[in-house]
Amino acid sequence: ALVSEVTRRFPPRAVRFYLVAPHYRSAIEFSDTSLSEATAALERIDHFVHRAETVVGADEPTRPVPDDFAAAMNDDLSTPGAMAVLYNAVREGNQALTANDAPVVAERLAEVRAMLGVLGLDPAAPEWSDTAGTGDDLTAVVDALVGAMLEQRQAARQRKDYATSDRIRDQLAELGVQVTDTPNGPEWELRR
């Protein structure tokens, strides 16, 4: 399959993630299932980053990659070992989010961003800025529309009108918008 065909069906960052994860000396078996799994894994990482940014802010200071990550990369570019460190940082970050431990969330977020940067997977990097095919104007419109629907959903929940609340959540899900209820209110993200 051509790269252009694959990136029409899967997010380009997920394709890169899929190609970076195994050791460069190993054979990579192309399959839709493997690309779907890589897409889901990257979405879990992005979900942590998004949730962490809502807690500690998006402008946290940068920090070097963890020593274990650097050691794995220096060991014949062992990306599987580096990915294990990345997954561990995300897991610890999610645990810190659950425990409302903002300092640990900030540390893990900075580490995850640094590791994504080394792997060429930083979602804020210019090369990924337009992969969804949307411009800033459209992003603002989508934010406003989803925000308005979430306000309607919250109002329905406060009235204990759970049927309406569920219907709004289901409508958003059909559009690819996943809603997560958190102690700080509902959060949403696009899912493919």
N, C-alpha and C. Protein backbone atom coordinates (compact mmCIF):
# COMPACT_ATOMS: atom_id res chain seq x y z
N ALA A 1 0.85 -1.19 0.00
CA ALA A 1 0.00 0.00 0.00
C ALA A 1 0.89 1.24 0.00
N LEU A 2 0.45 2.26 -0.70
CA LEU A 2 1.16 3.52 -0.73
C LEU A 2 0.93 4.29 0.56
N VAL A 3 1.92 5.08 0.97
CA VAL A 3 1.80 5.88 2.18
C VAL A 3 0.58 6.79 2.09
N SER A 4 0.35 7.40 0.93
CA SER A 4 -0.79 8.31 0.76
C SER A 4 -2.11 7.59 0.99
N GLU A 5 -2.19 6.30 0.61
CA GLU A 5 -3.42 5.53 0.83
C GLU A 5 -3.59 5.22 2.32
N VAL A 6 -2.51 4.85 2.97
CA VAL A 6 -2.57 4.50 4.39
C VAL A 6 -2.95 5.71 5.22
N THR A 7 -2.38 6.87 4.89
CA THR A 7 -2.66 8.07 5.69
C THR A 7 -4.04 8.66 5.41
N ARG A 8 -4.73 8.15 4.41
CA ARG A 8 -6.13 8.54 4.22
C ARG A 8 -7.01 7.76 5.19
N ARG A 9 -6.55 6.57 5.58
CA ARG A 9 -7.35 5.72 6.46
C ARG A 9 -6.95 5.82 7.93
N PHE A 10 -5.69 6.23 8.18
CA PHE A 10 -5.18 6.32 9.54
C PHE A 10 -4.48 7.66 9.71
N PRO A 11 -4.53 8.23 10.93
CA PRO A 11 -3.84 9.51 11.15
C PRO A 11 -2.34 9.37 10.87
N PRO A 12 -1.74 10.33 10.19
CA PRO A 12 -0.31 10.24 9.88
C PRO A 12 0.58 10.05 11.12
N ARG A 13 0.24 10.70 12.23
CA ARG A 13 1.04 10.50 13.45
C ARG A 13 0.97 9.05 13.92
N ALA A 14 -0.21 8.43 13.77
CA ALA A 14 -0.36 7.03 14.18
C ALA A 14 0.47 6.12 13.28
N VAL A 15 0.55 6.44 12.00
CA VAL A 15 1.38 5.65 11.08
C VAL A 15 2.84 5.76 11.51
N ARG A 16 3.28 6.97 11.82
CA ARG A 16 4.67 7.14 12.29
C ARG A 16 4.88 6.36 13.59
N PHE A 17 3.93 6.46 14.51
CA PHE A 17 4.01 5.73 15.78
C PHE A 17 4.16 4.24 15.52
N TYR A 18 3.37 3.72 14.59
CA TYR A 18 3.41 2.31 14.22
C TYR A 18 4.79 1.92 13.68
N LEU A 19 5.38 2.80 12.88
CA LEU A 19 6.67 2.50 12.27
C LEU A 19 7.84 2.69 13.23
N VAL A 20 7.69 3.55 14.23
CA VAL A 20 8.77 3.83 15.17
C VAL A 20 8.82 2.81 16.30
N ALA A 21 7.67 2.24 16.68
CA ALA A 21 7.59 1.38 17.87
C ALA A 21 8.48 0.14 17.81
N PRO A 22 8.52 -0.61 16.73
CA PRO A 22 9.39 -1.79 16.73
C PRO A 22 10.86 -1.41 16.50
N HIS A 23 11.74 -2.32 16.83
CA HIS A 23 13.17 -2.09 16.61
C HIS A 23 13.42 -1.98 15.11
N TYR A 24 14.32 -1.09 14.75
CA TYR A 24 14.56 -0.84 13.32
C TYR A 24 15.09 -2.06 12.59
N ARG A 25 15.66 -3.02 13.30
CA ARG A 25 16.18 -4.22 12.63
C ARG A 25 15.11 -5.29 12.45
N SER A 26 13.95 -5.11 13.06
CA SER A 26 12.92 -6.14 12.96
C SER A 26 12.02 -5.88 11.76
N ALA A 27 11.43 -6.95 11.27
CA ALA A 27 10.48 -6.83 10.15
C ALA A 27 9.16 -6.29 10.69
N ILE A 28 8.53 -5.46 9.91
CA ILE A 28 7.25 -4.89 10.31
C ILE A 28 6.18 -5.46 9.39
N GLU A 29 5.21 -6.12 10.00
CA GLU A 29 4.10 -6.70 9.24
C GLU A 29 3.01 -5.64 9.12
N PHE A 30 2.70 -5.24 7.90
CA PHE A 30 1.65 -4.26 7.68
C PHE A 30 0.29 -4.92 7.79
N SER A 31 -0.58 -4.33 8.62
CA SER A 31 -1.97 -4.79 8.69
C SER A 31 -2.83 -3.66 9.25
N ASP A 32 -4.08 -3.65 8.83
CA ASP A 32 -5.01 -2.66 9.36
C ASP A 32 -5.17 -2.81 10.86
N THR A 33 -5.15 -4.06 11.34
CA THR A 33 -5.29 -4.30 12.78
C THR A 33 -4.14 -3.66 13.54
N SER A 34 -2.92 -3.84 13.07
CA SER A 34 -1.77 -3.25 13.74
C SER A 34 -1.83 -1.73 13.71
N LEU A 35 -2.25 -1.16 12.59
CA LEU A 35 -2.37 0.29 12.51
C LEU A 35 -3.49 0.80 13.40
N SER A 36 -4.57 0.05 13.51
CA SER A 36 -5.66 0.44 14.42
C SER A 36 -5.18 0.41 15.87
N GLU A 37 -4.39 -0.61 16.21
CA GLU A 37 -3.85 -0.68 17.57
C GLU A 37 -2.89 0.47 17.84
N ALA A 38 -2.07 0.82 16.86
CA ALA A 38 -1.15 1.96 17.02
C ALA A 38 -1.94 3.26 17.17
N THR A 39 -3.01 3.40 16.41
CA THR A 39 -3.86 4.59 16.51
C THR A 39 -4.46 4.70 17.91
N ALA A 40 -4.95 3.58 18.43
CA ALA A 40 -5.55 3.57 19.77
C ALA A 40 -4.51 3.88 20.83
N ALA A 41 -3.30 3.33 20.69
CA ALA A 41 -2.23 3.59 21.67
C ALA A 41 -1.85 5.06 21.67
N LEU A 42 -1.72 5.65 20.49
CA LEU A 42 -1.37 7.07 20.41
C LEU A 42 -2.50 7.94 20.96
N GLU A 43 -3.74 7.54 20.72
CA GLU A 43 -4.87 8.29 21.28
C GLU A 43 -4.84 8.27 22.80
N ARG A 44 -4.44 7.13 23.41
CA ARG A 44 -4.35 7.06 24.87
C ARG A 44 -3.27 8.01 25.38
N ILE A 45 -2.16 8.09 24.67
CA ILE A 45 -1.09 9.01 25.05
C ILE A 45 -1.58 10.45 24.91
N ASP A 46 -2.20 10.76 23.77
CA ASP A 46 -2.72 12.11 23.55
C ASP A 46 -3.78 12.47 24.57
N HIS A 47 -4.59 11.50 24.96
CA HIS A 47 -5.63 11.74 25.97
C HIS A 47 -4.99 12.15 27.29
N PHE A 48 -3.92 11.44 27.69
CA PHE A 48 -3.21 11.83 28.91
C PHE A 48 -2.68 13.25 28.79
N VAL A 49 -2.04 13.56 27.66
CA VAL A 49 -1.48 14.90 27.47
C VAL A 49 -2.57 15.96 27.60
N HIS A 50 -3.70 15.71 26.95
CA HIS A 50 -4.80 16.68 27.01
C HIS A 50 -5.31 16.85 28.44
N ARG A 51 -5.55 15.74 29.12
CA ARG A 51 -6.05 15.82 30.51
C ARG A 51 -5.04 16.50 31.41
N ALA A 52 -3.77 16.17 31.24
CA ALA A 52 -2.72 16.78 32.08
C ALA A 52 -2.63 18.27 31.83
N GLU A 53 -2.76 18.68 30.56
CA GLU A 53 -2.70 20.11 30.26
C GLU A 53 -3.86 20.87 30.88
N THR A 54 -5.01 20.23 31.02
CA THR A 54 -6.13 20.92 31.66
C THR A 54 -5.88 21.11 33.14
N VAL A 55 -5.04 20.26 33.74
CA VAL A 55 -4.74 20.37 35.17
C VAL A 55 -3.58 21.31 35.43
N VAL A 56 -2.49 21.18 34.65
CA VAL A 56 -1.28 21.95 34.95
C VAL A 56 -0.97 23.02 33.92
N GLY A 57 -1.75 23.09 32.85
CA GLY A 57 -1.50 24.09 31.82
C GLY A 57 -0.63 23.53 30.72
N ALA A 58 -0.71 24.17 29.57
CA ALA A 58 0.02 23.69 28.39
C ALA A 58 1.42 24.26 28.30
N ASP A 59 1.74 25.26 29.09
CA ASP A 59 3.03 25.93 28.98
C ASP A 59 4.01 25.54 30.08
N GLU A 60 4.03 24.26 30.40
CA GLU A 60 4.97 23.79 31.42
C GLU A 60 6.40 23.82 30.87
N PRO A 61 7.37 24.03 31.73
CA PRO A 61 8.76 24.05 31.24
C PRO A 61 9.17 22.68 30.70
N THR A 62 10.05 22.71 29.72
CA THR A 62 10.52 21.45 29.14
C THR A 62 11.54 20.81 30.09
N ARG A 63 11.76 19.55 29.91
CA ARG A 63 12.76 18.84 30.70
C ARG A 63 13.38 17.77 29.82
N PRO A 64 14.54 17.29 30.20
CA PRO A 64 15.16 16.23 29.38
C PRO A 64 14.35 14.94 29.46
N VAL A 65 14.60 14.08 28.50
CA VAL A 65 13.93 12.78 28.54
C VAL A 65 14.42 12.00 29.75
N PRO A 66 13.62 11.07 30.25
CA PRO A 66 14.07 10.24 31.38
C PRO A 66 15.33 9.46 31.01
N ASP A 67 16.14 9.19 32.00
CA ASP A 67 17.40 8.46 31.78
C ASP A 67 17.16 7.10 31.12
N ASP A 68 16.11 6.39 31.55
CA ASP A 68 15.82 5.07 30.98
C ASP A 68 15.49 5.17 29.49
N PHE A 69 14.79 6.24 29.10
CA PHE A 69 14.45 6.46 27.70
C PHE A 69 15.75 6.70 26.91
N ALA A 70 16.60 7.58 27.42
CA ALA A 70 17.87 7.88 26.74
C ALA A 70 18.74 6.62 26.64
N ALA A 71 18.77 5.82 27.71
CA ALA A 71 19.57 4.60 27.69
C ALA A 71 19.05 3.63 26.63
N ALA A 72 17.73 3.50 26.52
CA ALA A 72 17.16 2.61 25.50
C ALA A 72 17.51 3.10 24.10
N MET A 73 17.37 4.40 23.88
CA MET A 73 17.67 4.94 22.55
C MET A 73 19.16 4.81 22.23
N ASN A 74 20.01 4.93 23.24
CA ASN A 74 21.46 4.80 23.03
C ASN A 74 21.90 3.35 22.86
N ASP A 75 21.04 2.40 23.20
CA ASP A 75 21.33 0.98 23.06
C ASP A 75 20.85 0.51 21.69
N ASP A 76 21.57 0.88 20.65
CA ASP A 76 21.25 0.48 19.28
C ASP A 76 19.84 0.91 18.89
N LEU A 77 19.47 2.11 19.30
CA LEU A 77 18.17 2.69 18.97
C LEU A 77 17.03 1.72 19.33
N SER A 78 17.01 1.29 20.58
CA SER A 78 16.01 0.34 21.04
C SER A 78 14.68 1.05 21.30
N THR A 79 13.94 1.30 20.24
CA THR A 79 12.67 2.00 20.40
C THR A 79 11.64 1.18 21.20
N PRO A 80 11.66 -0.16 21.16
CA PRO A 80 10.72 -0.87 22.04
C PRO A 80 10.97 -0.55 23.52
N GLY A 81 12.23 -0.48 23.92
CA GLY A 81 12.54 -0.11 25.30
C GLY A 81 12.14 1.32 25.60
N ALA A 82 12.36 2.21 24.64
CA ALA A 82 11.98 3.61 24.81
C ALA A 82 10.47 3.74 24.92
N MET A 83 9.73 2.96 24.13
CA MET A 83 8.26 2.99 24.20
C MET A 83 7.78 2.51 25.56
N ALA A 84 8.46 1.53 26.13
CA ALA A 84 8.07 1.04 27.46
C ALA A 84 8.19 2.17 28.49
N VAL A 85 9.24 2.98 28.39
CA VAL A 85 9.41 4.11 29.30
C VAL A 85 8.30 5.13 29.06
N LEU A 86 7.96 5.38 27.81
CA LEU A 86 6.88 6.32 27.48
C LEU A 86 5.56 5.83 28.06
N TYR A 87 5.22 4.57 27.84
CA TYR A 87 3.96 4.01 28.38
C TYR A 87 3.95 4.09 29.91
N ASN A 88 5.08 3.84 30.53
CA ASN A 88 5.16 3.89 31.99
C ASN A 88 4.91 5.32 32.49
N ALA A 89 5.47 6.30 31.81
CA ALA A 89 5.26 7.70 32.21
C ALA A 89 3.79 8.09 32.06
N VAL A 90 3.15 7.62 31.00
CA VAL A 90 1.72 7.90 30.80
C VAL A 90 0.91 7.23 31.91
N ARG A 91 1.24 5.98 32.24
CA ARG A 91 0.52 5.26 33.29
C ARG A 91 0.66 5.99 34.62
N GLU A 92 1.89 6.38 34.96
CA GLU A 92 2.11 7.11 36.22
C GLU A 92 1.41 8.46 36.19
N GLY A 93 1.40 9.11 35.04
CA GLY A 93 0.71 10.39 34.91
C GLY A 93 -0.78 10.24 35.11
N ASN A 94 -1.37 9.19 34.55
CA ASN A 94 -2.80 8.96 34.74
C ASN A 94 -3.12 8.65 36.21
N GLN A 95 -2.24 7.91 36.87
CA GLN A 95 -2.44 7.64 38.30
C GLN A 95 -2.36 8.94 39.10
N ALA A 96 -1.44 9.82 38.73
CA ALA A 96 -1.31 11.11 39.41
C ALA A 96 -2.53 11.98 39.16
N LEU A 97 -3.09 11.91 37.96
CA LEU A 97 -4.32 12.65 37.67
C LEU A 97 -5.45 12.16 38.57
N THR A 98 -5.57 10.85 38.71
CA THR A 98 -6.61 10.27 39.57
C THR A 98 -6.43 10.70 41.02
N ALA A 99 -5.17 10.81 41.45
CA ALA A 99 -4.86 11.19 42.83
C ALA A 99 -4.82 12.71 43.03
N ASN A 100 -5.08 13.48 41.97
CA ASN A 100 -5.00 14.95 42.03
C ASN A 100 -3.63 15.44 42.50
N ASP A 101 -2.58 14.76 42.05
CA ASP A 101 -1.21 15.11 42.41
C ASP A 101 -0.60 15.94 41.28
N ALA A 102 -0.89 17.24 41.28
CA ALA A 102 -0.48 18.12 40.18
C ALA A 102 1.03 18.15 39.94
N PRO A 103 1.88 18.17 40.99
CA PRO A 103 3.33 18.19 40.70
C PRO A 103 3.81 16.96 39.92
N VAL A 104 3.28 15.78 40.25
CA VAL A 104 3.68 14.57 39.52
C VAL A 104 3.09 14.61 38.12
N VAL A 105 1.86 15.11 37.98
CA VAL A 105 1.25 15.24 36.65
C VAL A 105 2.15 16.12 35.78
N ALA A 106 2.61 17.24 36.33
CA ALA A 106 3.46 18.17 35.56
C ALA A 106 4.77 17.49 35.15
N GLU A 107 5.36 16.71 36.05
CA GLU A 107 6.61 16.01 35.73
C GLU A 107 6.41 14.99 34.60
N ARG A 108 5.38 14.17 34.76
CA ARG A 108 5.13 13.15 33.74
C ARG A 108 4.75 13.79 32.41
N LEU A 109 3.98 14.87 32.43
CA LEU A 109 3.61 15.55 31.20
C LEU A 109 4.85 16.07 30.48
N ALA A 110 5.75 16.70 31.22
CA ALA A 110 6.98 17.22 30.60
C ALA A 110 7.82 16.08 30.03
N GLU A 111 7.89 14.96 30.74
CA GLU A 111 8.64 13.81 30.23
C GLU A 111 8.00 13.25 28.96
N VAL A 112 6.68 13.10 28.98
CA VAL A 112 5.99 12.55 27.82
C VAL A 112 6.18 13.45 26.61
N ARG A 113 6.05 14.76 26.83
CA ARG A 113 6.27 15.69 25.71
C ARG A 113 7.69 15.56 25.17
N ALA A 114 8.67 15.47 26.06
CA ALA A 114 10.06 15.35 25.62
C ALA A 114 10.27 14.07 24.81
N MET A 115 9.71 12.96 25.29
CA MET A 115 9.87 11.69 24.57
C MET A 115 9.16 11.73 23.22
N LEU A 116 7.95 12.30 23.18
CA LEU A 116 7.25 12.42 21.90
C LEU A 116 8.05 13.28 20.93
N GLY A 117 8.70 14.31 21.46
CA GLY A 117 9.52 15.17 20.61
C GLY A 117 10.68 14.41 19.99
N VAL A 118 11.36 13.59 20.78
CA VAL A 118 12.49 12.81 20.27
C VAL A 118 12.02 11.83 19.20
N LEU A 119 10.83 11.26 19.39
CA LEU A 119 10.30 10.29 18.44
C LEU A 119 9.66 10.93 17.22
N GLY A 120 9.62 12.27 17.20
CA GLY A 120 9.00 12.98 16.09
C GLY A 120 7.48 12.88 16.12
N LEU A 121 6.91 12.76 17.33
CA LEU A 121 5.48 12.57 17.48
C LEU A 121 4.81 13.68 18.29
N ASP A 122 5.50 14.76 18.55
CA ASP A 122 4.93 15.87 19.31
C ASP A 122 3.77 16.46 18.53
N PRO A 123 2.53 16.36 19.06
CA PRO A 123 1.38 16.85 18.29
C PRO A 123 1.42 18.35 18.03
N ALA A 124 2.19 19.10 18.81
CA ALA A 124 2.28 20.55 18.62
C ALA A 124 3.33 20.93 17.58
N ALA A 125 4.10 19.97 17.09
CA ALA A 125 5.13 20.26 16.10
C ALA A 125 4.49 20.71 14.79
N PRO A 126 5.14 21.63 14.08
CA PRO A 126 4.54 22.17 12.85
C PRO A 126 4.17 21.11 11.81
N GLU A 127 4.94 20.05 11.73
CA GLU A 127 4.65 19.05 10.71
C GLU A 127 3.32 18.32 10.93
N TRP A 128 2.79 18.39 12.15
CA TRP A 128 1.51 17.74 12.45
C TRP A 128 0.37 18.74 12.57
N SER A 129 0.65 20.00 12.43
CA SER A 129 -0.36 21.02 12.74
C SER A 129 -1.58 20.98 11.84
N ASP A 130 -1.45 20.47 10.62
CA ASP A 130 -2.60 20.50 9.73
C ASP A 130 -3.00 19.12 9.24
N THR A 131 -2.65 18.06 10.01
CA THR A 131 -2.94 16.71 9.54
C THR A 131 -4.41 16.38 9.58
N ALA A 132 -5.19 17.11 10.36
CA ALA A 132 -6.63 16.82 10.41
C ALA A 132 -7.36 17.50 9.27
N GLY A 133 -6.68 18.36 8.52
CA GLY A 133 -7.31 19.04 7.42
C GLY A 133 -8.20 20.18 7.85
N THR A 134 -8.01 20.67 9.08
CA THR A 134 -8.83 21.77 9.56
C THR A 134 -7.93 22.94 9.88
N GLY A 135 -8.44 24.13 9.66
CA GLY A 135 -7.71 25.33 10.00
C GLY A 135 -8.13 25.84 11.36
N ASP A 136 -7.46 26.90 11.84
CA ASP A 136 -7.78 27.46 13.14
C ASP A 136 -9.22 27.95 13.21
N ASP A 137 -9.75 28.52 12.11
CA ASP A 137 -11.12 29.02 12.11
C ASP A 137 -12.11 27.89 12.36
N LEU A 138 -11.91 26.77 11.68
CA LEU A 138 -12.82 25.64 11.85
C LEU A 138 -12.67 25.05 13.25
N THR A 139 -11.47 25.01 13.76
CA THR A 139 -11.25 24.49 15.11
C THR A 139 -12.03 25.30 16.13
N ALA A 140 -12.01 26.62 16.00
CA ALA A 140 -12.76 27.48 16.92
C ALA A 140 -14.25 27.23 16.82
N VAL A 141 -14.75 27.01 15.62
CA VAL A 141 -16.18 26.74 15.43
C VAL A 141 -16.55 25.41 16.08
N VAL A 142 -15.75 24.39 15.86
CA VAL A 142 -16.02 23.07 16.45
C VAL A 142 -15.99 23.17 17.98
N ASP A 143 -14.98 23.87 18.53
CA ASP A 143 -14.90 24.05 19.98
C ASP A 143 -16.18 24.69 20.51
N ALA A 144 -16.65 25.73 19.84
CA ALA A 144 -17.85 26.45 20.30
C ALA A 144 -19.09 25.56 20.20
N LEU A 145 -19.24 24.83 19.10
CA LEU A 145 -20.42 23.99 18.92
C LEU A 145 -20.44 22.84 19.93
N VAL A 146 -19.32 22.18 20.11
CA VAL A 146 -19.27 21.09 21.09
C VAL A 146 -19.49 21.65 22.49
N GLY A 147 -18.90 22.81 22.77
CA GLY A 147 -19.11 23.46 24.07
C GLY A 147 -20.57 23.75 24.33
N ALA A 148 -21.29 24.23 23.33
CA ALA A 148 -22.72 24.52 23.48
C ALA A 148 -23.50 23.24 23.74
N MET A 149 -23.15 22.17 23.04
CA MET A 149 -23.85 20.90 23.27
C MET A 149 -23.56 20.36 24.66
N LEU A 150 -22.33 20.53 25.12
CA LEU A 150 -21.99 20.06 26.46
C LEU A 150 -22.71 20.88 27.53
N GLU A 151 -22.91 22.17 27.28
CA GLU A 151 -23.68 23.00 28.21
C GLU A 151 -25.12 22.50 28.28
N GLN A 152 -25.70 22.16 27.14
CA GLN A 152 -27.06 21.62 27.13
C GLN A 152 -27.11 20.29 27.88
N ARG A 153 -26.09 19.48 27.70
CA ARG A 153 -26.04 18.19 28.39
C ARG A 153 -25.94 18.39 29.89
N GLN A 154 -25.08 19.34 30.32
CA GLN A 154 -24.95 19.62 31.76
C GLN A 154 -26.27 20.12 32.34
N ALA A 155 -26.96 20.99 31.60
CA ALA A 155 -28.26 21.51 32.07
C ALA A 155 -29.25 20.35 32.21
N ALA A 156 -29.25 19.42 31.27
CA ALA A 156 -30.15 18.26 31.35
C ALA A 156 -29.79 17.40 32.56
N ARG A 157 -28.52 17.22 32.81
CA ARG A 157 -28.10 16.42 33.97
C ARG A 157 -28.52 17.08 35.28
N GLN A 158 -28.40 18.41 35.34
CA GLN A 158 -28.81 19.13 36.55
C GLN A 158 -30.33 19.00 36.78
N ARG A 159 -31.11 18.91 35.69
CA ARG A 159 -32.56 18.71 35.79
C ARG A 159 -32.91 17.25 36.04
N LYS A 160 -31.87 16.40 36.08
CA LYS A 160 -32.02 14.95 36.20
C LYS A 160 -32.76 14.36 34.99
N ASP A 161 -32.61 15.02 33.85
CA ASP A 161 -33.17 14.55 32.58
C ASP A 161 -32.08 13.73 31.89
N TYR A 162 -31.87 12.53 32.40
CA TYR A 162 -30.76 11.71 31.94
C TYR A 162 -30.97 11.19 30.52
N ALA A 163 -32.22 11.05 30.09
CA ALA A 163 -32.48 10.61 28.72
C ALA A 163 -31.94 11.64 27.72
N THR A 164 -32.19 12.91 27.97
CA THR A 164 -31.68 13.97 27.09
C THR A 164 -30.16 14.03 27.18
N SER A 165 -29.64 13.93 28.40
CA SER A 165 -28.19 13.95 28.58
C SER A 165 -27.53 12.83 27.78
N ASP A 166 -28.07 11.63 27.89
CA ASP A 166 -27.51 10.48 27.16
C ASP A 166 -27.65 10.65 25.66
N ARG A 167 -28.78 11.21 25.21
CA ARG A 167 -29.00 11.42 23.78
C ARG A 167 -27.95 12.40 23.21
N ILE A 168 -27.66 13.47 23.95
CA ILE A 168 -26.65 14.44 23.50
C ILE A 168 -25.28 13.77 23.45
N ARG A 169 -24.94 12.98 24.49
CA ARG A 169 -23.65 12.28 24.49
C ARG A 169 -23.57 11.32 23.31
N ASP A 170 -24.66 10.60 23.03
CA ASP A 170 -24.67 9.65 21.91
C ASP A 170 -24.55 10.36 20.57
N GLN A 171 -25.20 11.53 20.43
CA GLN A 171 -25.08 12.30 19.19
C GLN A 171 -23.64 12.73 18.97
N LEU A 172 -23.00 13.17 20.04
CA LEU A 172 -21.59 13.57 19.93
C LEU A 172 -20.72 12.36 19.58
N ALA A 173 -21.02 11.22 20.19
CA ALA A 173 -20.24 10.00 19.90
C ALA A 173 -20.36 9.61 18.43
N GLU A 174 -21.55 9.75 17.86
CA GLU A 174 -21.75 9.43 16.44
C GLU A 174 -20.90 10.33 15.55
N LEU A 175 -20.62 11.54 16.03
CA LEU A 175 -19.79 12.48 15.27
C LEU A 175 -18.29 12.27 15.54
N GLY A 176 -17.97 11.31 16.42
CA GLY A 176 -16.57 11.05 16.74
C GLY A 176 -16.06 11.86 17.91
N VAL A 177 -16.97 12.42 18.72
CA VAL A 177 -16.57 13.21 19.89
C VAL A 177 -16.79 12.36 21.13
N GLN A 178 -15.71 12.05 21.83
CA GLN A 178 -15.82 11.28 23.07
C GLN A 178 -15.90 12.24 24.24
N VAL A 179 -16.92 12.08 25.06
CA VAL A 179 -17.12 12.92 26.24
C VAL A 179 -16.72 12.13 27.47
N THR A 180 -15.90 12.73 28.33
CA THR A 180 -15.50 12.12 29.58
C THR A 180 -15.91 13.07 30.70
N ASP A 181 -16.71 12.56 31.64
CA ASP A 181 -17.10 13.37 32.79
C ASP A 181 -16.00 13.31 33.84
N THR A 182 -15.51 14.47 34.25
CA THR A 182 -14.44 14.56 35.25
C THR A 182 -14.93 15.43 36.40
N PRO A 183 -14.21 15.42 37.52
CA PRO A 183 -14.60 16.29 38.64
C PRO A 183 -14.59 17.77 38.26
N ASN A 184 -13.83 18.13 37.22
CA ASN A 184 -13.77 19.52 36.77
C ASN A 184 -14.77 19.82 35.66
N GLY A 185 -15.69 18.92 35.41
CA GLY A 185 -16.66 19.10 34.34
C GLY A 185 -16.36 18.18 33.18
N PRO A 186 -17.21 18.21 32.15
CA PRO A 186 -17.01 17.31 31.02
C PRO A 186 -15.82 17.76 30.16
N GLU A 187 -15.10 16.78 29.65
CA GLU A 187 -14.01 17.03 28.71
C GLU A 187 -14.34 16.25 27.45
N TRP A 188 -13.85 16.72 26.32
CA TRP A 188 -14.13 16.02 25.08
C TRP A 188 -12.88 15.98 24.20
N GLU A 189 -12.89 15.00 23.31
CA GLU A 189 -11.83 14.89 22.32
C GLU A 189 -12.38 14.15 21.11
N LEU A 190 -11.77 14.44 19.97
CA LEU A 190 -12.17 13.76 18.73
C LEU A 190 -11.54 12.40 18.67
N ARG A 191 -12.32 11.42 18.26
CA ARG A 191 -11.84 10.05 18.07
C ARG A 191 -12.07 9.68 16.63
N ARG A 192 -11.15 8.93 16.06
CA ARG A 192 -11.34 8.45 14.69
C ARG A 192 -12.03 7.13 14.70
